[in-house]
Amino acid sequence: MADAMDLSSKAKELDMEDSFHEKKHVKKFVIACAVLASMNSILLGYDAGVMSGAVIFIRRDLGLNDVQVEMLIGSLNLVSLVGAALAGRTSDAVGRRWTMALAALIFLLGSVVMAVAPTFAWLMVGRLLGGLGVGYALLIAPVYTTEVAPAASRGALTCFPEIFINVGIFIGYISNYALKGLPDHLNWRVMLALGVVPPIFLGIGVLAMPESPRWLVMKERNDDALKVLLRTSESRAEAHERLAQIAEGITYARQKTRNSGGGGGSMQSSGEGTWREIFRATAPVRRMLIIALGLQFFQQAGGIDATVYYSPTTFKAAGMKSQGAVLGATMAVGFAKAGFVIVAAVLIDRVGRRPLLLTSAIGSTVSLLVLALSLQFIGNAPGAAHQAAGYLAVIAACGNVAFFSIGMGPVNWVLGSEIFPLRLRAKAASLGVGVNRTLSGVVSVSFLSLTDAITVPGAFFLFAGVSFLCSVFIYFLVPETKGKTLEEIVAFFHIGHEHETLGSSQVEMGNSASTVQTAVKLKDGSEQTGEKLKEGSNTQEA
């Protein structure tokens, strides 16, 4: 009898050990997928970082004026709108994986053209190609990661694109500093040529990546989707449950098309939504759009790209004279931005999305005010006070990007990719990237002109005001989504508007009772978020 009990105990221990190793393998595989997808984001990050310093040497080598500099820096963000618009349709047609490969190829071509450009016109041609690649990359990386990751780790993994953007920025700053000693006609070309390295690695990595399981179900390839889910879920039961939820969402999309007289078009066969559903949205979808597009607007209207692209201009206004000091301070900004986004990735699935967003917006508001006041004071400060104000300006600039990186940077993309139903996710993400890049382009194209009109301190006072409005927007409108499946989040938005008549046709995943109950809990939790945040704040103070 005792021997039988010992054998039973050992068998249980072996089962637990096998389960532990299986979970570790799943986690490594999902992380590998997220890392490869996020390689796309290095493209934007490296371009932003390297261009902030390279433009100093390009201006001297090609004799550019302020307007040409603004065009060179801002054009990439504006052209990325076209890439984002095309990426939604492309990813729905050929899949998330091959869309990432296309983004890498386009950016690689742009980097080559810029590196060998003999004139400003050719430099702009390469810049426009790079912008298309960035538009594709910004949309597809968070969408793919969101659709592959399980709910428990989705927030952290969807932060990876933002982490890689910041890593790219930091590498760009290092490249500027390391290559500044080369002749002016050569250093900026080498800096830009190094942009071909990430696309090459991504092109190789795509061959080993699985396709998004949600896209596979959308194309009625359920067996292939289950294979991917088995590799990204911690148990077979979880994989089958995720597949059932996805399939129910697709079934609802097709049912809605038939009920609205959509016939047998592409949406009926694939579960893809139409732009009509975006621009003539129902109340639940309208609320999703307000939250997602509002966050995208405030992310860039707060002037983060002015800090990143024009940090040398800011630090010159802070009294720095030497080129080495300016680029060194710029590296400090890059280090702060890259370091704190990792903090966000660690905390996002523990403390939630809302607390990080609020901390980010409020912290950036304070940092931007301190930066503006420091720059204002420098103009009238004597001797030691002038130097102290300069140091404070550098610290405030680093504080601004640090607070941005723990919330508005990564969490914005997480929420924007997880709150929409599958049939609309790629198109809504495309629209979000469009808003983001439009504001980024406006800020980067107009910053030098803005500082001429209202001074550098005045520009940062303006950005501080926008950041304050962002914190108000988050407090009143943004819900918590931590730990919920994508289908549960969609159900929450439907319940929020149609609580009295909720039925299977109103919820994205059908009539799953357990999912509806979870969504009700999510709604209740969102309504009590303010109290929970206050309690959390009091606990931390204690």
Foldseek 3Di string as FASTA:
>chain_A
DVVVVVVVVVVVVVVVVVLVVLQVQLVVQLLLQLLLLLLLLLLLLLCLQQLLQLVVLVCVVQVDDLLLSLCLNLVLLQLLLVLLQVLLVVCLPPFLLVLLLVLLVQLLQLLLQLLPPPHSVSVVVSSSSNSNSSSSSQQRSLLQSQLLADQLQSQLSSLSNLLSSLVSNLVSLVLSLVQVPDDSVHSSSVSSNVSNVSSVVSNVSSVVHQTRLLSCVLQVNNVSSLVSLSSNDSDSVVSVVVSLLSNLLLVLLLVVCVVVVVPDDPCNNRVADDCCCVVVPDQLSVLLLCLLLVLLQLLLLLPLSCCRSNQLVLLVLLVDDDPNVSSVLSSLLSVLLSVLLNVLSVCCLPVFQLVLQLQLLVQLLVLLLLLLVLSVVLVPDDDPSSVVSSVSNSVSSSSNSNSCSNHSSRSSSSSLQQQDRPNCRSVSSSVSSSSNSVSNSVSSSCVVVVCVVQNPSRSSNSSSVSSVVSSVCSVPRPFTDRSHRSQLSQLLSQCVVPVPDDAQSSGSRGHPPVSNVVSVVSNVCRVCVVVVVVVVVVVVVD
